[in-house]
């Protein structure tokens, strides 16, 4: 069971995301006709954040990763349908264990949420594009991807 609480007034979500950079490109996910986001998902009850991240990469793109270090903690506020959502997300740097996914371009995968299948596109995007016209959710994380700090950073993203 995901750590995802919903009531009539709000939604609370505990999520993790993996930042996978290779050859000057970052692997991002993109639902059809939406902005890019960091690959990851909701933490399940009694599952560590690292276990979740490994599981999500296996489920969504059928590959194994190793988790390197915690880069950032985000407090993110955004609309979830008609309700506000308060999300806590841990962002880790990760690397591939093997190279059984395309290492360039775009490929297809999927995720599930609320018993619905969500088709996703996974795209290798040049880091340079993050400075320009490519919008990545959450935007407040992008500077720390482009210029990582030695310490773990905390950011707040308010979209409501």
C-alpha atoms as a PDB file:
ATOM      1  CA  UNK A   1       0.000   0.000   0.000  1.00  0.00           C
ATOM      2  CA  UNK A   2       1.425   3.348  -1.072  1.00  0.00           C
ATOM      3  CA  UNK A   3       1.924   6.098   1.474  1.00  0.00           C
ATOM      4  CA  UNK A   4      -0.717   8.217  -0.183  1.00  0.00           C
ATOM      5  CA  UNK A   5      -3.543   9.613   1.923  1.00  0.00           C
ATOM      6  CA  UNK A   6      -6.642  11.205   0.465  1.00  0.00           C
ATOM      7  CA  UNK A   7      -9.665  12.766   2.099  1.00  0.00           C
ATOM      8  CA  UNK A   8     -12.284  15.274   0.973  1.00  0.00           C
ATOM      9  CA  UNK A   9     -10.023  18.253   1.731  1.00  0.00           C
ATOM     10  CA  UNK A  10      -6.488  17.310   0.639  1.00  0.00           C
ATOM     11  CA  UNK A  11      -4.008  14.647  -0.492  1.00  0.00           C
ATOM     12  CA  UNK A  12      -0.687  13.749   1.166  1.00  0.00           C
ATOM     13  CA  UNK A  13       1.966  11.923  -0.850  1.00  0.00           C
ATOM     14  CA  UNK A  14       5.389  10.483   0.058  1.00  0.00           C
ATOM     15  CA  UNK A  15       7.431   9.927  -3.098  1.00  0.00           C
ATOM     16  CA  UNK A  16      11.008   9.296  -4.282  1.00  0.00           C
ATOM     17  CA  UNK A  17      12.721  10.252  -7.525  1.00  0.00           C
ATOM     18  CA  UNK A  18      15.895   9.051  -9.226  1.00  0.00           C
ATOM     19  CA  UNK A  19      18.202  11.358 -11.145  1.00  0.00           C
ATOM     20  CA  UNK A  20      19.952   9.286 -13.803  1.00  0.00           C
ATOM     21  CA  UNK A  21      22.601  11.184 -15.777  1.00  0.00           C
ATOM     22  CA  UNK A  22      24.744   9.573 -18.462  1.00  0.00           C
ATOM     23  CA  UNK A  23      26.926  11.158 -21.145  1.00  0.00           C
ATOM     24  CA  UNK A  24      25.640  14.667 -20.430  1.00  0.00           C
ATOM     25  CA  UNK A  25      21.972  13.627 -20.620  1.00  0.00           C
ATOM     26  CA  UNK A  26      19.323  13.018 -17.960  1.00  0.00           C
ATOM     27  CA  UNK A  27      16.645  10.341 -18.261  1.00  0.00           C
ATOM     28  CA  UNK A  28      13.212  11.894 -17.680  1.00  0.00           C
ATOM     29  CA  UNK A  29       9.676  10.576 -17.877  1.00  0.00           C
ATOM     30  CA  UNK A  30       6.894  12.307 -19.713  1.00  0.00           C
ATOM     31  CA  UNK A  31       3.218  11.446 -19.708  1.00  0.00           C
ATOM     32  CA  UNK A  32       1.568  12.123 -23.045  1.00  0.00           C
ATOM     33  CA  UNK A  33       1.161  15.876 -23.630  1.00  0.00           C
ATOM     34  CA  UNK A  34       2.665  16.898 -20.278  1.00  0.00           C
ATOM     35  CA  UNK A  35       5.895  18.289 -18.844  1.00  0.00           C
ATOM     36  CA  UNK A  36       8.926  16.163 -18.029  1.00  0.00           C
ATOM     37  CA  UNK A  37       9.431  14.812 -14.523  1.00  0.00           C
ATOM     38  CA  UNK A  38      11.934  12.778 -12.548  1.00  0.00           C
ATOM     39  CA  UNK A  39      11.438   8.992 -12.655  1.00  0.00           C
ATOM     40  CA  UNK A  40      10.138   7.575  -9.378  1.00  0.00           C
ATOM     41  CA  UNK A  41       7.012   6.831  -7.444  1.00  0.00           C
ATOM     42  CA  UNK A  42       5.194   6.524  -4.156  1.00  0.00           C
ATOM     43  CA  UNK A  43       6.858   4.782  -1.251  1.00  0.00           C
ATOM     44  CA  UNK A  44       4.961   1.714  -0.042  1.00  0.00           C
ATOM     45  CA  UNK A  45       4.323   1.133   3.660  1.00  0.00           C
ATOM     46  CA  UNK A  46       7.314  -0.557   5.344  1.00  0.00           C
ATOM     47  CA  UNK A  47       9.502  -0.015   2.263  1.00  0.00           C
ATOM     48  CA  UNK A  48      12.634   2.144   2.414  1.00  0.00           C
ATOM     49  CA  UNK A  49      13.011   5.014  -0.020  1.00  0.00           C
ATOM     50  CA  UNK A  50      15.928   3.203  -1.691  1.00  0.00           C
ATOM     51  CA  UNK A  51      13.905  -0.009  -2.085  1.00  0.00           C
ATOM     52  CA  UNK A  52      11.100   2.048  -3.620  1.00  0.00           C
ATOM     53  CA  UNK A  53      13.389   3.705  -6.124  1.00  0.00           C
ATOM     54  CA  UNK A  54      14.855   0.383  -7.271  1.00  0.00           C
ATOM     55  CA  UNK A  55      11.340  -1.094  -7.569  1.00  0.00           C
ATOM     56  CA  UNK A  56      10.024   1.876  -9.552  1.00  0.00           C
ATOM     57  CA  UNK A  57      12.837   1.699 -12.125  1.00  0.00           C
ATOM     58  CA  UNK A  58      12.232  -2.046 -12.528  1.00  0.00           C
ATOM     59  CA  UNK A  59       8.455  -1.601 -12.875  1.00  0.00           C
ATOM     60  CA  UNK A  60       8.496   1.392 -15.204  1.00  0.00           C
ATOM     61  CA  UNK A  61      11.481   0.758 -17.480  1.00  0.00           C
ATOM     62  CA  UNK A  62      12.546  -2.808 -16.607  1.00  0.00           C
ATOM     63  CA  UNK A  63      16.089  -1.982 -15.561  1.00  0.00           C
ATOM     64  CA  UNK A  64      18.175  -2.259 -12.410  1.00  0.00           C
ATOM     65  CA  UNK A  65      19.777   0.740 -10.737  1.00  0.00           C
ATOM     66  CA  UNK A  66      21.996   1.430  -7.773  1.00  0.00           C
ATOM     67  CA  UNK A  67      21.263   4.416  -5.585  1.00  0.00           C
ATOM     68  CA  UNK A  68      24.194   6.747  -4.988  1.00  0.00           C
ATOM     69  CA  UNK A  69      23.375   9.668  -2.696  1.00  0.00           C
ATOM     70  CA  UNK A  70      20.488  11.794  -1.519  1.00  0.00           C
ATOM     71  CA  UNK A  71      20.576  15.045  -3.490  1.00  0.00           C
ATOM     72  CA  UNK A  72      17.480  16.934  -2.332  1.00  0.00           C
ATOM     73  CA  UNK A  73      14.328  16.914  -0.246  1.00  0.00           C
ATOM     74  CA  UNK A  74      11.347  18.654  -1.775  1.00  0.00           C
ATOM     75  CA  UNK A  75       8.150  19.897  -0.172  1.00  0.00           C
ATOM     76  CA  UNK A  76       5.808  20.214  -3.111  1.00  0.00           C
ATOM     77  CA  UNK A  77       2.302  21.689  -3.134  1.00  0.00           C
ATOM     78  CA  UNK A  78       0.198  21.197  -6.256  1.00  0.00           C
ATOM     79  CA  UNK A  79      -3.393  20.507  -7.339  1.00  0.00           C
ATOM     80  CA  UNK A  80      -4.462  16.839  -7.327  1.00  0.00           C
ATOM     81  CA  UNK A  81      -7.662  17.067  -9.292  1.00  0.00           C
ATOM     82  CA  UNK A  82      -9.820  19.468  -7.289  1.00  0.00           C
ATOM     83  CA  UNK A  83      -7.877  18.996  -4.026  1.00  0.00           C
ATOM     84  CA  UNK A  84      -4.553  20.430  -2.908  1.00  0.00           C
ATOM     85  CA  UNK A  85      -1.707  17.934  -2.501  1.00  0.00           C
ATOM     86  CA  UNK A  86       1.172  18.183  -0.029  1.00  0.00           C
ATOM     87  CA  UNK A  87       3.994  15.952  -1.247  1.00  0.00           C
ATOM     88  CA  UNK A  88       7.316  15.118   0.369  1.00  0.00           C
ATOM     89  CA  UNK A  89       9.811  13.816  -2.192  1.00  0.00           C
ATOM     90  CA  UNK A  90      13.360  12.535  -1.713  1.00  0.00           C
ATOM     91  CA  UNK A  91      15.556  12.877  -4.817  1.00  0.00           C
ATOM     92  CA  UNK A  92      18.557  10.565  -5.203  1.00  0.00           C
ATOM     93  CA  UNK A  93      21.341  10.349  -7.758  1.00  0.00           C
ATOM     94  CA  UNK A  94      21.297   6.871  -9.316  1.00  0.00           C
ATOM     95  CA  UNK A  95      23.233   4.886 -11.913  1.00  0.00           C
ATOM     96  CA  UNK A  96      22.466   1.903 -14.132  1.00  0.00           C
ATOM     97  CA  UNK A  97      23.632  -1.566 -13.072  1.00  0.00           C
ATOM     98  CA  UNK A  98      23.437  -2.820 -16.643  1.00  0.00           C
ATOM     99  CA  UNK A  99      22.652  -1.201 -19.960  1.00  0.00           C
ATOM    100  CA  UNK A 100      19.502  -3.029 -21.028  1.00  0.00           C
ATOM    101  CA  UNK A 101      17.518   0.104 -21.904  1.00  0.00           C
ATOM    102  CA  UNK A 102      18.065   2.462 -24.845  1.00  0.00           C
ATOM    103  CA  UNK A 103      20.888   4.854 -23.957  1.00  0.00           C
ATOM    104  CA  UNK A 104      19.693   7.619 -26.251  1.00  0.00           C
ATOM    105  CA  UNK A 105      16.455   8.961 -27.689  1.00  0.00           C
ATOM    106  CA  UNK A 106      12.937   8.110 -26.505  1.00  0.00           C
ATOM    107  CA  UNK A 107      11.369   4.821 -25.432  1.00  0.00           C
ATOM    108  CA  UNK A 108       7.991   3.737 -24.069  1.00  0.00           C
ATOM    109  CA  UNK A 109       6.978   2.522 -20.609  1.00  0.00           C
ATOM    110  CA  UNK A 110       4.047   2.763 -18.245  1.00  0.00           C
ATOM    111  CA  UNK A 111       3.031   3.292 -14.642  1.00  0.00           C
ATOM    112  CA  UNK A 112      -0.110   2.763 -12.625  1.00  0.00           C
ATOM    113  CA  UNK A 113      -1.977   5.075 -10.264  1.00  0.00           C
ATOM    114  CA  UNK A 114      -5.405   4.588  -8.708  1.00  0.00           C
ATOM    115  CA  UNK A 115      -5.767   1.315 -10.662  1.00  0.00           C
ATOM    116  CA  UNK A 116      -5.269   3.153 -13.963  1.00  0.00           C
ATOM    117  CA  UNK A 117      -2.500   2.565 -16.468  1.00  0.00           C
ATOM    118  CA  UNK A 118      -0.549   5.671 -17.450  1.00  0.00           C
ATOM    119  CA  UNK A 119       1.501   5.467 -20.645  1.00  0.00           C
ATOM    120  CA  UNK A 120       4.847   7.199 -20.285  1.00  0.00           C
ATOM    121  CA  UNK A 121       7.647   8.188 -22.590  1.00  0.00           C
ATOM    122  CA  UNK A 122      11.188   8.049 -21.254  1.00  0.00           C
ATOM    123  CA  UNK A 123      13.509  10.567 -22.850  1.00  0.00           C
ATOM    124  CA  UNK A 124      17.244  11.185 -22.676  1.00  0.00           C
ATOM    125  CA  UNK A 125      17.402  14.985 -22.537  1.00  0.00           C
ATOM    126  CA  UNK A 126      20.672  16.944 -22.799  1.00  0.00           C
ATOM    127  CA  UNK A 127      21.420  18.708 -19.512  1.00  0.00           C
ATOM    128  CA  UNK A 128      22.025  21.878 -21.512  1.00  0.00           C
ATOM    129  CA  UNK A 129      18.333  21.829 -22.549  1.00  0.00           C
ATOM    130  CA  UNK A 130      17.299  22.098 -18.878  1.00  0.00           C
ATOM    131  CA  UNK A 131      18.844  25.576 -18.865  1.00  0.00           C
ATOM    132  CA  UNK A 132      16.752  26.644 -21.835  1.00  0.00           C
ATOM    133  CA  UNK A 133      13.372  25.503 -23.096  1.00  0.00           C
ATOM    134  CA  UNK A 134      12.736  22.106 -21.457  1.00  0.00           C
ATOM    135  CA  UNK A 135      10.358  22.300 -18.487  1.00  0.00           C
ATOM    136  CA  UNK A 136      11.014  19.720 -15.770  1.00  0.00           C
ATOM    137  CA  UNK A 137       8.756  19.229 -12.775  1.00  0.00           C
ATOM    138  CA  UNK A 138       9.542  20.421 -10.151  1.00  0.00           C
ATOM    139  CA  UNK A 139      11.391  23.416 -11.603  1.00  0.00           C
ATOM    140  CA  UNK A 140      12.959  24.244  -8.220  1.00  0.00           C
ATOM    141  CA  UNK A 141      15.035  21.029  -8.417  1.00  0.00           C
ATOM    142  CA  UNK A 142      16.692  21.849 -11.760  1.00  0.00           C
ATOM    143  CA  UNK A 143      19.469  24.147 -10.424  1.00  0.00           C
ATOM    144  CA  UNK A 144      20.617  21.373  -8.051  1.00  0.00           C
ATOM    145  CA  UNK A 145      20.685  18.847 -10.909  1.00  0.00           C
ATOM    146  CA  UNK A 146      22.778  21.185 -13.047  1.00  0.00           C
ATOM    147  CA  UNK A 147      25.129  22.217 -10.224  1.00  0.00           C
ATOM    148  CA  UNK A 148      24.954  19.655  -7.396  1.00  0.00           C
ATOM    149  CA  UNK A 149      25.855  20.834  -3.897  1.00  0.00           C
ATOM    150  CA  UNK A 150      28.021  18.870  -1.466  1.00  0.00           C
ATOM    151  CA  UNK A 151      25.257  18.932   1.122  1.00  0.00           C
ATOM    152  CA  UNK A 152      21.675  17.695   0.827  1.00  0.00           C
ATOM    153  CA  UNK A 153      19.432  20.572  -0.224  1.00  0.00           C
ATOM    154  CA  UNK A 154      15.850  21.365   0.709  1.00  0.00           C
ATOM    155  CA  UNK A 155      13.432  23.219  -1.541  1.00  0.00           C
ATOM    156  CA  UNK A 156       9.767  24.196  -1.527  1.00  0.00           C
ATOM    157  CA  UNK A 157       7.630  24.229  -4.672  1.00  0.00           C
ATOM    158  CA  UNK A 158       4.220  25.895  -4.420  1.00  0.00           C
ATOM    159  CA  UNK A 159       2.033  25.499  -7.478  1.00  0.00           C
ATOM    160  CA  UNK A 160      -1.207  26.304  -5.675  1.00  0.00           C
END
